[in-house]
Amino acid sequence: MDPALESEPRPDTPAAGNALVWMTLSLFAFGVFLVTIPGHDPAGRAWLWIGIVLLVVGGISSAFAVRARIRHLRG
């Protein structure tokens, strides 16, 4: 690789890991929205299942992201 193209590593700032936490929590929040709003309509049953999947995936991934973030900040 060309040495001129190599970049220096980014400094580890407190905001570096917050993006993953916000992204996973937004998946969870969108899943809550899909379950509560379009999921009540009989024609929106597909959105109900998509919302349930987003709830599960967002909940698990945000739990792991928050756990990793807290562990990183303590250590």
PDB file of N, CA and C in Angstrom:
ATOM      1  N   MET A   1       0.835  -1.170   0.000  1.00  0.00           N
ATOM      2  CA  MET A   1       0.000   0.000   0.000  1.00  0.00           C
ATOM      3  C   MET A   1       0.886   1.241   0.000  1.00  0.00           C
ATOM      4  N   ASP A   2       0.433   2.252  -0.649  1.00  0.00           N
ATOM      5  CA  ASP A   2       1.173   3.504  -0.739  1.00  0.00           C
ATOM      6  C   ASP A   2       1.213   4.182   0.637  1.00  0.00           C
ATOM      7  N   PRO A   3       2.407   4.514   1.155  1.00  0.00           N
ATOM      8  CA  PRO A   3       2.483   5.158   2.483  1.00  0.00           C
ATOM      9  C   PRO A   3       1.776   6.504   2.540  1.00  0.00           C
ATOM     10  N   ALA A   4       1.635   7.174   1.412  1.00  0.00           N
ATOM     11  CA  ALA A   4       0.946   8.462   1.418  1.00  0.00           C
ATOM     12  C   ALA A   4      -0.547   8.311   1.665  1.00  0.00           C
ATOM     13  N   LEU A   5      -1.086   7.121   1.383  1.00  0.00           N
ATOM     14  CA  LEU A   5      -2.524   6.900   1.575  1.00  0.00           C
ATOM     15  C   LEU A   5      -2.869   6.439   2.984  1.00  0.00           C
ATOM     16  N   GLU A   6      -1.863   6.041   3.742  1.00  0.00           N
ATOM     17  CA  GLU A   6      -2.128   5.567   5.094  1.00  0.00           C
ATOM     18  C   GLU A   6      -2.467   6.754   5.995  1.00  0.00           C
ATOM     19  N   SER A   7      -3.441   6.567   6.825  1.00  0.00           N
ATOM     20  CA  SER A   7      -3.841   7.635   7.739  1.00  0.00           C
ATOM     21  C   SER A   7      -3.482   7.239   9.167  1.00  0.00           C
ATOM     22  N   GLU A   8      -3.381   8.234   9.985  1.00  0.00           N
ATOM     23  CA  GLU A   8      -3.108   7.987  11.387  1.00  0.00           C
ATOM     24  C   GLU A   8      -4.378   7.470  12.053  1.00  0.00           C
ATOM     25  N   PRO A   9      -4.225   6.641  13.064  1.00  0.00           N
ATOM     26  CA  PRO A   9      -5.430   6.165  13.763  1.00  0.00           C
ATOM     27  C   PRO A   9      -6.159   7.321  14.431  1.00  0.00           C
ATOM     28  N   ARG A  10      -7.461   7.213  14.437  1.00  0.00           N
ATOM     29  CA  ARG A  10      -8.273   8.252  15.077  1.00  0.00           C
ATOM     30  C   ARG A  10      -8.087   8.202  16.591  1.00  0.00           C
ATOM     31  N   PRO A  11      -8.092   9.347  17.232  1.00  0.00           N
ATOM     32  CA  PRO A  11      -8.002   9.329  18.701  1.00  0.00           C
ATOM     33  C   PRO A  11      -9.291   8.763  19.294  1.00  0.00           C
ATOM     34  N   ASP A  12      -9.137   8.069  20.394  1.00  0.00           N
ATOM     35  CA  ASP A  12     -10.290   7.473  21.060  1.00  0.00           C
ATOM     36  C   ASP A  12     -10.949   8.537  21.930  1.00  0.00           C
ATOM     37  N   THR A  13     -12.034   9.083  21.441  1.00  0.00           N
ATOM     38  CA  THR A  13     -12.752  10.112  22.184  1.00  0.00           C
ATOM     39  C   THR A  13     -13.950   9.492  22.883  1.00  0.00           C
ATOM     40  N   PRO A  14     -14.511  10.163  23.884  1.00  0.00           N
ATOM     41  CA  PRO A  14     -15.690   9.622  24.559  1.00  0.00           C
ATOM     42  C   PRO A  14     -16.892   9.440  23.632  1.00  0.00           C
ATOM     43  N   ALA A  15     -16.963  10.209  22.557  1.00  0.00           N
ATOM     44  CA  ALA A  15     -18.109  10.100  21.649  1.00  0.00           C
ATOM     45  C   ALA A  15     -17.933   9.009  20.602  1.00  0.00           C
ATOM     46  N   ALA A  16     -16.785   8.339  20.577  1.00  0.00           N
ATOM     47  CA  ALA A  16     -16.515   7.374  19.519  1.00  0.00           C
ATOM     48  C   ALA A  16     -17.474   6.187  19.549  1.00  0.00           C
ATOM     49  N   GLY A  17     -17.809   5.685  20.716  1.00  0.00           N
ATOM     50  CA  GLY A  17     -18.673   4.519  20.806  1.00  0.00           C
ATOM     51  C   GLY A  17     -20.145   4.849  20.940  1.00  0.00           C
ATOM     52  N   ASN A  18     -20.473   6.118  21.054  1.00  0.00           N
ATOM     53  CA  ASN A  18     -21.876   6.485  21.238  1.00  0.00           C
ATOM     54  C   ASN A  18     -22.711   6.247  19.990  1.00  0.00           C
ATOM     55  N   ALA A  19     -22.096   6.280  18.811  1.00  0.00           N
ATOM     56  CA  ALA A  19     -22.852   6.103  17.568  1.00  0.00           C
ATOM     57  C   ALA A  19     -23.488   4.716  17.508  1.00  0.00           C
ATOM     58  N   LEU A  20     -22.756   3.690  17.934  1.00  0.00           N
ATOM     59  CA  LEU A  20     -23.313   2.333  17.919  1.00  0.00           C
ATOM     60  C   LEU A  20     -24.470   2.209  18.900  1.00  0.00           C
ATOM     61  N   VAL A  21     -24.341   2.824  20.055  1.00  0.00           N
ATOM     62  CA  VAL A  21     -25.418   2.771  21.046  1.00  0.00           C
ATOM     63  C   VAL A  21     -26.669   3.469  20.506  1.00  0.00           C
ATOM     64  N   TRP A  22     -26.499   4.661  19.913  1.00  0.00           N
ATOM     65  CA  TRP A  22     -27.652   5.389  19.366  1.00  0.00           C
ATOM     66  C   TRP A  22     -28.286   4.642  18.199  1.00  0.00           C
ATOM     67  N   MET A  23     -27.468   4.026  17.350  1.00  0.00           N
ATOM     68  CA  MET A  23     -28.008   3.304  16.200  1.00  0.00           C
ATOM     69  C   MET A  23     -28.847   2.102  16.650  1.00  0.00           C
ATOM     70  N   THR A  24     -28.335   1.343  17.601  1.00  0.00           N
ATOM     71  CA  THR A  24     -29.072   0.167  18.042  1.00  0.00           C
ATOM     72  C   THR A  24     -30.328   0.559  18.824  1.00  0.00           C
ATOM     73  N   LEU A  25     -30.247   1.632  19.604  1.00  0.00           N
ATOM     74  CA  LEU A  25     -31.438   2.084  20.318  1.00  0.00           C
ATOM     75  C   LEU A  25     -32.490   2.656  19.361  1.00  0.00           C
ATOM     76  N   SER A  26     -32.046   3.235  18.252  1.00  0.00           N
ATOM     77  CA  SER A  26     -33.021   3.725  17.273  1.00  0.00           C
ATOM     78  C   SER A  26     -33.712   2.565  16.564  1.00  0.00           C
ATOM     79  N   LEU A  27     -33.017   1.458  16.347  1.00  0.00           N
ATOM     80  CA  LEU A  27     -33.673   0.258  15.811  1.00  0.00           C
ATOM     81  C   LEU A  27     -34.754  -0.224  16.766  1.00  0.00           C
ATOM     82  N   PHE A  28     -34.418  -0.241  18.041  1.00  0.00           N
ATOM     83  CA  PHE A  28     -35.382  -0.663  19.053  1.00  0.00           C
ATOM     84  C   PHE A  28     -36.596   0.275  19.082  1.00  0.00           C
ATOM     85  N   ALA A  29     -36.330   1.579  19.035  1.00  0.00           N
ATOM     86  CA  ALA A  29     -37.433   2.548  19.068  1.00  0.00           C
ATOM     87  C   ALA A  29     -38.313   2.437  17.829  1.00  0.00           C
ATOM     88  N   PHE A  30     -37.719   2.215  16.672  1.00  0.00           N
ATOM     89  CA  PHE A  30     -38.519   2.044  15.463  1.00  0.00           C
ATOM     90  C   PHE A  30     -39.335   0.757  15.530  1.00  0.00           C
ATOM     91  N   GLY A  31     -38.783  -0.275  16.144  1.00  0.00           N
ATOM     92  CA  GLY A  31     -39.547  -1.505  16.353  1.00  0.00           C
ATOM     93  C   GLY A  31     -40.746  -1.277  17.255  1.00  0.00           C
ATOM     94  N   VAL A  32     -40.563  -0.477  18.306  1.00  0.00           N
ATOM     95  CA  VAL A  32     -41.688  -0.133  19.190  1.00  0.00           C
ATOM     96  C   VAL A  32     -42.760   0.603  18.402  1.00  0.00           C
ATOM     97  N   PHE A  33     -42.333   1.545  17.565  1.00  0.00           N
ATOM     98  CA  PHE A  33     -43.285   2.283  16.740  1.00  0.00           C
ATOM     99  C   PHE A  33     -44.056   1.343  15.812  1.00  0.00           C
ATOM    100  N   LEU A  34     -43.368   0.424  15.160  1.00  0.00           N
ATOM    101  CA  LEU A  34     -44.036  -0.473  14.220  1.00  0.00           C
ATOM    102  C   LEU A  34     -44.998  -1.423  14.919  1.00  0.00           C
ATOM    103  N   VAL A  35     -44.680  -1.815  16.129  1.00  0.00           N
ATOM    104  CA  VAL A  35     -45.585  -2.708  16.854  1.00  0.00           C
ATOM    105  C   VAL A  35     -46.816  -1.949  17.339  1.00  0.00           C
ATOM    106  N   THR A  36     -46.637  -0.717  17.798  1.00  0.00           N
ATOM    107  CA  THR A  36     -47.763  -0.007  18.398  1.00  0.00           C
ATOM    108  C   THR A  36     -48.673   0.665  17.378  1.00  0.00           C
ATOM    109  N   ILE A  37     -48.126   1.249  16.325  1.00  0.00           N
ATOM    110  CA  ILE A  37     -48.959   2.023  15.404  1.00  0.00           C
ATOM    111  C   ILE A  37     -49.523   1.165  14.269  1.00  0.00           C
ATOM    112  N   PRO A  38     -48.704   0.711  13.292  1.00  0.00           N
ATOM    113  CA  PRO A  38     -49.304  -0.049  12.187  1.00  0.00           C
ATOM    114  C   PRO A  38     -49.672  -1.481  12.569  1.00  0.00           C
ATOM    115  N   GLY A  39     -49.134  -1.986  13.681  1.00  0.00           N
ATOM    116  CA  GLY A  39     -49.403  -3.369  14.058  1.00  0.00           C
ATOM    117  C   GLY A  39     -50.824  -3.625  14.499  1.00  0.00           C
ATOM    118  N   HIS A  40     -51.561  -2.593  14.876  1.00  0.00           N
ATOM    119  CA  HIS A  40     -52.943  -2.774  15.321  1.00  0.00           C
ATOM    120  C   HIS A  40     -53.912  -2.933  14.161  1.00  0.00           C
ATOM    121  N   ASP A  41     -53.552  -2.475  13.001  1.00  0.00           N
ATOM    122  CA  ASP A  41     -54.404  -2.590  11.819  1.00  0.00           C
ATOM    123  C   ASP A  41     -54.313  -4.015  11.282  1.00  0.00           C
ATOM    124  N   PRO A  42     -55.455  -4.678  10.984  1.00  0.00           N
ATOM    125  CA  PRO A  42     -55.395  -6.041  10.461  1.00  0.00           C
ATOM    126  C   PRO A  42     -54.609  -6.136   9.143  1.00  0.00           C
ATOM    127  N   ALA A  43     -54.605  -5.074   8.350  1.00  0.00           N
ATOM    128  CA  ALA A  43     -53.849  -5.103   7.104  1.00  0.00           C
ATOM    129  C   ALA A  43     -52.357  -4.885   7.352  1.00  0.00           C
ATOM    130  N   GLY A  44     -51.992  -4.464   8.541  1.00  0.00           N
ATOM    131  CA  GLY A  44     -50.598  -4.172   8.842  1.00  0.00           C
ATOM    132  C   GLY A  44     -49.906  -5.265   9.631  1.00  0.00           C
ATOM    133  N   ARG A  45     -50.347  -6.495   9.484  1.00  0.00           N
ATOM    134  CA  ARG A  45     -49.738  -7.587  10.249  1.00  0.00           C
ATOM    135  C   ARG A  45     -48.293  -7.845   9.845  1.00  0.00           C
ATOM    136  N   ALA A  46     -47.936  -7.563   8.604  1.00  0.00           N
ATOM    137  CA  ALA A  46     -46.535  -7.726   8.192  1.00  0.00           C
ATOM    138  C   ALA A  46     -45.665  -6.734   8.956  1.00  0.00           C
ATOM    139  N   TRP A  47     -46.179  -5.502   9.153  1.00  0.00           N
ATOM    140  CA  TRP A  47     -45.425  -4.510   9.913  1.00  0.00           C
ATOM    141  C   TRP A  47     -45.297  -4.912  11.373  1.00  0.00           C
ATOM    142  N   LEU A  48     -46.301  -5.621  11.882  1.00  0.00           N
ATOM    143  CA  LEU A  48     -46.213  -6.109  13.254  1.00  0.00           C
ATOM    144  C   LEU A  48     -45.037  -7.066  13.413  1.00  0.00           C
ATOM    145  N   TRP A  49     -44.902  -7.998  12.465  1.00  0.00           N
ATOM    146  CA  TRP A  49     -43.807  -8.968  12.560  1.00  0.00           C
ATOM    147  C   TRP A  49     -42.452  -8.310  12.326  1.00  0.00           C
ATOM    148  N   ILE A  50     -42.406  -7.355  11.415  1.00  0.00           N
ATOM    149  CA  ILE A  50     -41.153  -6.626  11.202  1.00  0.00           C
ATOM    150  C   ILE A  50     -40.792  -5.851  12.466  1.00  0.00           C
ATOM    151  N   GLY A  51     -41.788  -5.253  13.110  1.00  0.00           N
ATOM    152  CA  GLY A  51     -41.552  -4.537  14.357  1.00  0.00           C
ATOM    153  C   GLY A  51     -41.069  -5.440  15.467  1.00  0.00           C
ATOM    154  N   ILE A  52     -41.632  -6.635  15.557  1.00  0.00           N
ATOM    155  CA  ILE A  52     -41.202  -7.589  16.582  1.00  0.00           C
ATOM    156  C   ILE A  52     -39.753  -8.000  16.352  1.00  0.00           C
ATOM    157  N   VAL A  53     -39.400  -8.245  15.096  1.00  0.00           N
ATOM    158  CA  VAL A  53     -38.012  -8.601  14.784  1.00  0.00           C
ATOM    159  C   VAL A  53     -37.074  -7.443  15.135  1.00  0.00           C
ATOM    160  N   LEU A  54     -37.477  -6.218  14.800  1.00  0.00           N
ATOM    161  CA  LEU A  54     -36.638  -5.065  15.149  1.00  0.00           C
ATOM    162  C   LEU A  54     -36.535  -4.872  16.657  1.00  0.00           C
ATOM    163  N   LEU A  55     -37.609  -5.151  17.378  1.00  0.00           N
ATOM    164  CA  LEU A  55     -37.555  -5.085  18.837  1.00  0.00           C
ATOM    165  C   LEU A  55     -36.527  -6.059  19.394  1.00  0.00           C
ATOM    166  N   VAL A  56     -36.553  -7.273  18.904  1.00  0.00           N
ATOM    167  CA  VAL A  56     -35.632  -8.295  19.414  1.00  0.00           C
ATOM    168  C   VAL A  56     -34.196  -7.960  19.022  1.00  0.00           C
ATOM    169  N   VAL A  57     -33.979  -7.681  17.739  1.00  0.00           N
ATOM    170  CA  VAL A  57     -32.621  -7.385  17.273  1.00  0.00           C
ATOM    171  C   VAL A  57     -32.097  -6.094  17.905  1.00  0.00           C
ATOM    172  N   GLY A  58     -32.924  -5.059  17.935  1.00  0.00           N
ATOM    173  CA  GLY A  58     -32.501  -3.802  18.530  1.00  0.00           C
ATOM    174  C   GLY A  58     -32.262  -3.911  20.022  1.00  0.00           C
ATOM    175  N   GLY A  59     -33.105  -4.659  20.706  1.00  0.00           N
ATOM    176  CA  GLY A  59     -32.939  -4.826  22.153  1.00  0.00           C
ATOM    177  C   GLY A  59     -31.669  -5.580  22.512  1.00  0.00           C
ATOM    178  N   ILE A  60     -31.426  -6.679  21.809  1.00  0.00           N
ATOM    179  CA  ILE A  60     -30.228  -7.473  22.102  1.00  0.00           C
ATOM    180  C   ILE A  60     -28.963  -6.710  21.717  1.00  0.00           C
ATOM    181  N   SER A  61     -28.965  -6.124  20.528  1.00  0.00           N
ATOM    182  CA  SER A  61     -27.755  -5.423  20.088  1.00  0.00           C
ATOM    183  C   SER A  61     -27.492  -4.171  20.916  1.00  0.00           C
ATOM    184  N   SER A  62     -28.541  -3.466  21.326  1.00  0.00           N
ATOM    185  CA  SER A  62     -28.311  -2.287  22.165  1.00  0.00           C
ATOM    186  C   SER A  62     -27.832  -2.691  23.553  1.00  0.00           C
ATOM    187  N   ALA A  63     -28.290  -3.813  24.063  1.00  0.00           N
ATOM    188  CA  ALA A  63     -27.788  -4.283  25.355  1.00  0.00           C
ATOM    189  C   ALA A  63     -26.300  -4.595  25.273  1.00  0.00           C
ATOM    190  N   PHE A  64     -25.889  -5.264  24.191  1.00  0.00           N
ATOM    191  CA  PHE A  64     -24.464  -5.554  24.017  1.00  0.00           C
ATOM    192  C   PHE A  64     -23.661  -4.277  23.801  1.00  0.00           C
ATOM    193  N   ALA A  65     -24.213  -3.320  23.049  1.00  0.00           N
ATOM    194  CA  ALA A  65     -23.493  -2.065  22.784  1.00  0.00           C
ATOM    195  C   ALA A  65     -23.329  -1.241  24.054  1.00  0.00           C
ATOM    196  N   VAL A  66     -24.380  -1.162  24.850  1.00  0.00           N
ATOM    197  CA  VAL A  66     -24.291  -0.405  26.112  1.00  0.00           C
ATOM    198  C   VAL A  66     -23.332  -1.098  27.070  1.00  0.00           C
ATOM    199  N   ARG A  67     -23.389  -2.411  27.116  1.00  0.00           N
ATOM    200  CA  ARG A  67     -22.484  -3.166  27.989  1.00  0.00           C
ATOM    201  C   ARG A  67     -21.023  -2.943  27.586  1.00  0.00           C
ATOM    202  N   ALA A  68     -20.749  -2.999  26.273  1.00  0.00           N
ATOM    203  CA  ALA A  68     -19.385  -2.776  25.798  1.00  0.00           C
ATOM    204  C   ALA A  68     -18.943  -1.338  26.046  1.00  0.00           C
ATOM    205  N   ARG A  69     -19.863  -0.402  25.890  1.00  0.00           N
ATOM    206  CA  ARG A  69     -19.526   1.014  26.104  1.00  0.00           C
ATOM    207  C   ARG A  69     -19.197   1.286  27.565  1.00  0.00           C
ATOM    208  N   ILE A  70     -19.986   0.732  28.469  1.00  0.00           N
ATOM    209  CA  ILE A  70     -19.726   0.910  29.907  1.00  0.00           C
ATOM    210  C   ILE A  70     -18.412   0.250  30.296  1.00  0.00           C
ATOM    211  N   ARG A  71     -18.163  -0.938  29.749  1.00  0.00           N
ATOM    212  CA  ARG A  71     -16.912  -1.633  30.041  1.00  0.00           C
ATOM    213  C   ARG A  71     -15.718  -0.834  29.528  1.00  0.00           C
ATOM    214  N   HIS A  72     -15.874  -0.216  28.350  1.00  0.00           N
ATOM    215  CA  HIS A  72     -14.783   0.582  27.792  1.00  0.00           C
ATOM    216  C   HIS A  72     -14.531   1.851  28.630  1.00  0.00           C
ATOM    217  N   LEU A  73     -15.597   2.486  29.089  1.00  0.00           N
ATOM    218  CA  LEU A  73     -15.438   3.713  29.869  1.00  0.00           C
ATOM    219  C   LEU A  73     -14.852   3.444  31.251  1.00  0.00           C
ATOM    220  N   ARG A  74     -15.140   2.285  31.804  1.00  0.00           N
ATOM    221  CA  ARG A  74     -14.576   1.940  33.123  1.00  0.00           C
ATOM    222  C   ARG A  74     -13.121   1.531  33.035  1.00  0.00           C
ATOM    223  N   GLY A  75     -12.746   0.934  31.900  1.00  0.00           N
ATOM    224  CA  GLY A  75     -11.391   0.383  31.793  1.00  0.00           C
ATOM    225  C   GLY A  75     -10.402   1.232  31.174  1.00  0.00           C
TER     226      GLY A  75
END
